[in-house]
Amino acid sequence: MGERKGTNLYYPPDYDPRAGGLNKFLGTHALRERARKLHMGILIIRFEMPYNIWCNGCGNHIGMGVRYNAEKKKVGMYYSTPLYQFRMKCHLCDNHFEIKTDPANLDYIIVSGARRQENRWDPKQNEQVVPETKEVSCRLYDDAMYKLEHGIEDKKVAKSRNSVLESAIALNENIWKDDYSSNCAMRALFRDRKKELQKKQADDHALLKKTGLEINLVNEHEDDIKLAKLLTYKKGTRKQEGIELKRLVSIIRSKNKKKISSSNDRLKLQSQESPKTQEITNNATTSKTRSSSISLVSYDSSSTDSDT
């Protein structure tokens, strides 16, 4: 990799090989901007947060693994191991926090600007495999009797946990003995569930498109369905029925007025005819008017009853 980069560098025409190298000739550093504070013993590196912290400036949470451009400098020695300190700026505010290495405990220590989020617990409570401490490992190496006692206790713990392991293995074998049928059943269950979700999404999309809304629909509930049914029942009240009856009565009255006006015109024409024919037509018109008045009275009575 270094050779490829070296052969691809641009050498100006006035380059002199006696200068000792291209960086020395140009008066630059190989690390460019990362080495701008190298004369102060500070190197710019890419630092990754070793654990979760809380920023003291803005109070926001910064998760483990977030990377920063940090200023790295040497602050001391732990025997033959150098101690490094890293200074970086919070990406959410103007606060700076400093973290240094702790080789004695294989950890990092926050110097200033932040506080560590404590998520520690006893691994023995979760029945985890706990590595031996330095004191126990040194004693196992030096004391033969302690090593023997420690081994006997380990055997007792192993015997007490054998039954639990055997039951877990047996349960796993019973469930996954026929892995093909189990896989088929699981895939069928997932397939049916996926079809239901797709159908529901299609119905929701059609409803939103019909109403012209852009909201997130929630699942239906039985109480909502009952309430909607009650609201639709209340819409069909007697008042609306009475309004419909009044509208029908007005239509019938207008039709009867037209008939009466046409019958009057006929009477004027028949006045010029014989008296016998005139009597017959008069009797017919009076019967028609009586029937129309009776029908109007019946419609009026029905409309008033519906209003009440």
Protein backbone atom coordinates (compact mmCIF):
# COMPACT_ATOMS: atom_id res chain seq x y z
CA MET A 1 0.00 0.00 0.00
CA GLY A 2 2.79 2.39 0.83
CA GLU A 3 4.60 1.69 -2.43
CA ARG A 4 1.48 2.35 -4.45
CA LYS A 5 0.96 5.70 -2.78
CA GLY A 6 4.62 6.57 -3.16
CA THR A 7 4.67 5.94 -6.88
CA ASN A 8 1.50 7.98 -7.41
CA LEU A 9 2.80 11.15 -5.75
CA TYR A 10 3.37 14.23 -7.88
CA TYR A 11 6.95 15.44 -7.97
CA PRO A 12 7.33 19.06 -9.13
CA PRO A 13 9.93 19.92 -11.76
CA ASP A 14 12.16 21.71 -9.25
CA TYR A 15 12.20 18.74 -6.87
CA ASP A 16 15.66 17.97 -5.44
CA PRO A 17 16.19 14.38 -4.17
CA ARG A 18 18.93 15.63 -1.88
CA ALA A 19 16.22 17.25 0.27
CA GLY A 20 15.53 13.78 1.74
CA GLY A 21 11.92 13.31 0.59
CA LEU A 22 8.92 15.00 -0.91
CA ASN A 23 7.43 16.03 2.45
CA LYS A 24 10.67 17.62 3.58
CA PHE A 25 11.07 19.35 0.24
CA LEU A 26 7.52 20.83 0.45
CA GLY A 27 7.79 21.54 4.20
CA THR A 28 4.73 19.45 5.09
CA HIS A 29 4.02 16.45 7.32
CA ALA A 30 2.88 13.04 6.11
CA LEU A 31 -0.18 13.24 8.38
CA ARG A 32 -1.20 16.67 7.01
CA GLU A 33 -3.84 18.35 9.26
CA ARG A 34 -3.66 15.62 11.87
CA ALA A 35 -0.15 16.79 12.78
CA ARG A 36 -0.87 20.52 13.05
CA LYS A 37 -0.25 20.40 16.86
CA LEU A 38 2.56 17.90 16.77
CA HIS A 39 5.04 20.47 18.06
CA MET A 40 2.93 20.54 21.25
CA GLY A 41 3.00 16.78 21.56
CA ILE A 42 -0.62 16.44 20.35
CA LEU A 43 -1.75 14.18 17.52
CA ILE A 44 -5.27 14.27 16.05
CA ILE A 45 -6.74 10.75 15.91
CA ARG A 46 -10.15 9.15 15.42
CA PHE A 47 -11.34 8.13 18.88
CA GLU A 48 -14.24 5.75 19.54
CA MET A 49 -16.24 6.11 22.74
CA PRO A 50 -15.50 3.05 24.93
CA TYR A 51 -18.78 3.16 26.92
CA ASN A 52 -21.98 5.18 27.36
CA ILE A 53 -21.58 8.63 28.89
CA TRP A 54 -23.62 11.73 29.75
CA CYS A 55 -22.35 15.10 28.57
CA ASN A 56 -22.08 17.67 31.39
CA GLY A 57 -22.60 20.56 28.97
CA CYS A 58 -25.93 19.69 27.36
CA GLY A 59 -26.93 16.65 29.43
CA ASN A 60 -27.45 14.47 26.35
CA HIS A 61 -26.62 10.81 26.18
CA ILE A 62 -23.68 9.70 24.02
CA GLY A 63 -23.63 6.02 23.18
CA MET A 64 -20.74 3.63 23.07
CA GLY A 65 -19.08 3.52 19.65
CA VAL A 66 -19.63 7.17 18.68
CA ARG A 67 -16.48 8.49 17.01
CA TYR A 68 -14.78 11.87 17.45
CA ASN A 69 -11.71 13.68 16.24
CA ALA A 70 -9.70 13.70 19.48
CA GLU A 71 -6.43 15.29 20.53
CA LYS A 72 -4.14 12.56 21.81
CA LYS A 73 -1.24 13.35 24.11
CA LYS A 74 0.99 11.44 26.51
CA VAL A 75 0.45 12.32 30.20
CA GLY A 76 2.55 9.74 32.06
CA MET A 77 3.70 6.16 32.40
CA TYR A 78 2.38 3.08 34.16
CA TYR A 79 5.55 1.06 34.57
CA SER A 80 6.61 0.66 30.92
CA THR A 81 3.12 1.43 29.48
CA PRO A 82 2.45 5.04 28.43
CA LEU A 83 -0.69 6.80 29.65
CA TYR A 84 -2.61 8.69 26.95
CA GLN A 85 -5.27 11.34 27.36
CA PHE A 86 -7.87 12.23 24.70
CA ARG A 87 -9.68 15.57 24.42
CA MET A 88 -12.70 15.92 22.15
CA LYS A 89 -15.68 18.22 21.59
CA CYS A 90 -19.30 17.15 22.03
CA HIS A 91 -21.17 17.05 18.72
CA LEU A 92 -24.34 18.41 20.39
CA CYS A 93 -22.88 21.42 22.22
CA ASP A 94 -19.64 23.36 22.78
CA ASN A 95 -18.55 21.30 25.76
CA HIS A 96 -15.21 19.42 25.72
CA PHE A 97 -14.55 16.26 27.68
CA GLU A 98 -11.32 14.41 28.39
CA ILE A 99 -10.75 10.66 28.81
CA LYS A 100 -7.50 8.90 29.68
CA THR A 101 -6.37 5.29 29.64
CA ASP A 102 -6.18 3.11 32.76
CA PRO A 103 -3.89 0.13 31.96
CA ALA A 104 -3.92 -1.05 35.59
CA ASN A 105 -7.64 -1.92 35.35
CA LEU A 106 -7.79 -2.32 31.56
CA ASP A 107 -10.29 0.53 31.35
CA TYR A 108 -10.77 4.23 30.52
CA ILE A 109 -11.25 7.02 33.08
CA ILE A 110 -13.24 10.23 32.47
CA VAL A 111 -11.14 13.19 33.58
CA SER A 112 -13.60 16.04 33.00
CA GLY A 113 -16.59 17.19 30.97
CA ALA A 114 -18.73 14.05 31.22
CA ARG A 115 -19.85 11.25 33.53
CA ARG A 116 -20.12 7.55 32.90
CA GLN A 117 -23.45 5.77 32.62
CA GLU A 118 -23.40 3.01 35.21
CA ASN A 119 -24.88 -0.22 33.85
CA ARG A 120 -22.98 -2.65 36.01
CA TRP A 121 -24.30 -5.79 37.72
CA ASP A 122 -22.97 -8.93 39.32
CA PRO A 123 -22.54 -11.55 36.57
CA LYS A 124 -23.03 -14.32 39.12
CA GLN A 125 -26.65 -13.24 39.55
CA ASN A 126 -27.24 -13.93 35.85
CA GLU A 127 -25.44 -17.29 36.10
CA GLN A 128 -22.74 -16.14 33.72
CA VAL A 129 -19.28 -17.66 33.44
CA VAL A 130 -17.14 -15.32 35.53
CA PRO A 131 -13.37 -15.25 34.92
CA GLU A 132 -11.14 -15.58 37.92
CA THR A 133 -9.66 -12.47 39.46
CA LYS A 134 -5.95 -11.84 39.64
CA GLU A 135 -5.81 -12.75 43.34
CA VAL A 136 -7.56 -16.08 42.80
CA SER A 137 -5.44 -16.96 39.78
CA CYS A 138 -2.21 -16.18 41.68
CA ARG A 139 -3.38 -18.26 44.63
CA LEU A 140 -4.28 -21.17 42.34
CA TYR A 141 -0.80 -21.02 40.88
CA ASP A 142 1.00 -20.88 44.27
CA ASP A 143 -1.21 -22.91 46.65
CA ALA A 144 -1.75 -26.57 45.70
CA MET A 145 -4.33 -27.23 48.46
CA TYR A 146 -6.39 -24.21 47.43
CA LYS A 147 -6.27 -25.44 43.83
CA LEU A 148 -7.58 -28.85 44.91
CA GLU A 149 -10.42 -27.33 46.96
CA HIS A 150 -11.30 -25.01 44.11
CA GLY A 151 -11.46 -27.96 41.72
CA ILE A 152 -13.78 -29.92 44.06
CA GLU A 153 -16.18 -26.96 44.29
CA ASP A 154 -16.21 -26.65 40.50
CA LYS A 155 -17.18 -30.33 40.21
CA LYS A 156 -20.06 -29.86 42.66
CA VAL A 157 -21.38 -26.89 40.68
CA ALA A 158 -21.09 -28.88 37.44
CA LYS A 159 -23.12 -31.78 38.93
CA SER A 160 -25.84 -29.44 40.16
CA ARG A 161 -26.17 -27.90 36.71
CA ASN A 162 -26.12 -31.13 34.73
CA SER A 163 -29.83 -31.75 35.27
CA VAL A 164 -30.70 -28.28 33.98
CA LEU A 165 -28.53 -28.72 30.90
CA GLU A 166 -29.95 -32.17 30.18
CA SER A 167 -33.54 -30.91 30.41
CA ALA A 168 -32.74 -28.01 28.10
CA ILE A 169 -31.10 -30.35 25.58
CA ALA A 170 -34.06 -32.78 25.74
CA LEU A 171 -36.56 -29.96 25.22
CA ASN A 172 -34.59 -28.68 22.26
CA GLU A 173 -34.44 -32.15 20.71
CA ASN A 174 -38.20 -32.67 21.12
CA ILE A 175 -38.99 -29.37 19.44
CA TRP A 176 -36.48 -29.58 16.61
CA LYS A 177 -36.37 -33.34 16.11
CA ASP A 178 -38.24 -32.97 12.82
CA ASP A 179 -36.81 -29.66 11.73
CA TYR A 180 -38.42 -29.81 8.26
CA SER A 181 -42.00 -29.95 9.59
CA SER A 182 -41.24 -27.32 12.22
CA ASN A 183 -39.82 -25.02 9.57
CA CYS A 184 -42.84 -25.60 7.30
CA ALA A 185 -45.29 -24.84 10.11
CA MET A 186 -43.43 -21.69 11.06
CA ARG A 187 -43.25 -20.45 7.46
CA ALA A 188 -46.99 -21.14 6.96
CA LEU A 189 -47.79 -19.17 10.10
CA PHE A 190 -45.64 -16.25 8.93
CA ARG A 191 -47.21 -16.41 5.45
CA ASP A 192 -50.78 -16.18 6.80
CA ARG A 193 -49.83 -13.34 9.08
CA LYS A 194 -48.19 -11.49 6.20
CA LYS A 195 -51.33 -11.84 4.05
CA GLU A 196 -53.47 -10.44 6.85
CA LEU A 197 -51.17 -7.46 7.27
CA GLN A 198 -51.10 -6.78 3.52
CA LYS A 199 -54.91 -6.92 3.33
CA LYS A 200 -55.26 -4.55 6.26
CA GLN A 201 -52.76 -2.12 4.72
CA ALA A 202 -54.66 -2.20 1.42
CA ASP A 203 -57.98 -1.48 3.16
CA ASP A 204 -56.46 1.37 5.15
CA HIS A 205 -54.90 2.85 2.01
CA ALA A 206 -58.23 2.69 0.16
CA LEU A 207 -60.04 4.37 3.07
CA LEU A 208 -57.46 7.16 3.32
CA LYS A 209 -57.57 7.71 -0.43
CA LYS A 210 -61.38 7.90 -0.35
CA THR A 211 -61.49 10.40 2.52
CA GLY A 212 -58.42 12.39 1.40
CA LEU A 213 -56.70 12.14 4.76
CA GLU A 214 -53.04 11.59 5.63
CA ILE A 215 -53.08 10.06 9.10
CA ASN A 216 -51.99 6.82 10.73
CA LEU A 217 -54.96 4.54 11.28
CA VAL A 218 -55.16 2.45 14.43
CA ASN A 219 -56.67 -1.01 14.77
CA GLU A 220 -60.44 -1.38 15.07
CA HIS A 221 -61.99 -2.00 18.48
CA GLU A 222 -65.35 -3.47 19.41
CA ASP A 223 -66.35 -0.36 21.37
CA ASP A 224 -65.69 1.85 18.32
CA ILE A 225 -67.91 -0.37 16.15
CA LYS A 226 -70.77 -0.20 18.67
CA LEU A 227 -70.50 3.59 18.92
CA ALA A 228 -70.53 3.97 15.13
CA LYS A 229 -73.69 1.85 14.92
CA LEU A 230 -75.41 4.02 17.53
CA LEU A 231 -74.48 7.19 15.67
CA THR A 232 -75.87 5.86 12.37
CA TYR A 233 -79.12 4.90 14.15
CA LYS A 234 -79.53 8.40 15.56
CA LYS A 235 -79.31 9.92 12.11
CA GLY A 236 -82.65 8.37 11.00
CA THR A 237 -84.93 10.35 13.44
CA ARG A 238 -88.60 11.17 13.10
CA LYS A 239 -87.88 14.78 12.25
CA GLN A 240 -86.25 13.82 9.01
CA GLU A 241 -89.13 11.50 8.24
CA GLY A 242 -91.51 14.40 8.79
CA ILE A 243 -89.44 16.60 6.47
CA GLU A 244 -89.64 13.94 3.78
CA LEU A 245 -93.44 13.73 4.21
CA LYS A 246 -93.82 17.50 3.92
CA ARG A 247 -91.80 17.44 0.72
CA LEU A 248 -94.10 14.75 -0.71
CA VAL A 249 -97.21 16.70 0.31
CA SER A 250 -95.96 19.84 -1.45
CA ILE A 251 -95.33 17.85 -4.62
CA ILE A 252 -98.86 16.35 -4.50
CA ARG A 253 -100.44 19.77 -3.90
CA SER A 254 -98.71 21.27 -6.91
CA LYS A 255 -99.94 18.38 -9.05
CA ASN A 256 -103.53 18.80 -7.77
CA LYS A 257 -103.45 22.55 -8.50
CA LYS A 258 -102.52 21.80 -12.09
CA LYS A 259 -105.39 19.32 -12.34
CA ILE A 260 -107.90 21.82 -10.88
CA SER A 261 -106.79 24.55 -13.28
CA SER A 262 -107.17 22.19 -16.23
CA SER A 263 -110.64 21.14 -15.02
CA ASN A 264 -111.75 24.81 -14.80
CA ASP A 265 -110.67 25.35 -18.37
CA ARG A 266 -112.74 22.38 -19.41
CA LEU A 267 -115.80 23.83 -17.59
CA LYS A 268 -115.51 27.05 -19.54
CA LEU A 269 -115.47 25.13 -22.76
CA GLN A 270 -118.40 22.94 -21.70
CA SER A 271 -120.55 25.96 -20.73
CA GLN A 272 -121.32 26.31 -24.39
CA GLU A 273 -122.60 22.69 -24.58
CA SER A 274 -126.00 21.24 -23.64
CA PRO A 275 -127.27 21.43 -20.01
CA LYS A 276 -127.25 17.65 -19.59
CA THR A 277 -123.60 17.28 -20.50
CA GLN A 278 -122.85 20.29 -18.30
CA GLU A 279 -124.43 18.57 -15.27
CA ILE A 280 -122.40 15.41 -15.87
CA THR A 281 -119.11 17.29 -16.09
CA ASN A 282 -119.90 19.32 -12.95
CA ASN A 283 -120.58 16.16 -10.97
CA ALA A 284 -117.26 14.68 -12.17
CA THR A 285 -115.24 17.73 -11.23
CA THR A 286 -116.80 17.99 -7.77
CA SER A 287 -116.02 14.33 -7.07
CA LYS A 288 -112.39 14.86 -8.16
CA THR A 289 -111.95 17.91 -5.95
CA ARG A 290 -113.43 16.06 -2.98
CA SER A 291 -111.04 13.13 -3.44
CA SER A 292 -108.05 15.45 -3.77
CA SER A 293 -109.01 17.36 -0.63
CA ILE A 294 -109.40 14.11 1.30
CA SER A 295 -105.93 12.95 0.20
CA LEU A 296 -104.37 16.25 1.19
CA VAL A 297 -105.96 16.08 4.62
CA SER A 298 -104.61 12.56 5.12
CA TYR A 299 -101.04 13.62 4.12
CA ASP A 300 -101.22 16.65 6.42
CA SER A 301 -102.31 14.53 9.34
CA SER A 302 -99.52 12.00 8.75
CA SER A 303 -96.90 14.76 8.56
CA THR A 304 -98.07 16.34 11.79
CA ASP A 305 -97.95 13.00 13.57
CA SER A 306 -94.39 12.38 12.39
CA ASP A 307 -93.30 15.84 13.56
CA THR A 308 -94.67 15.25 16.99
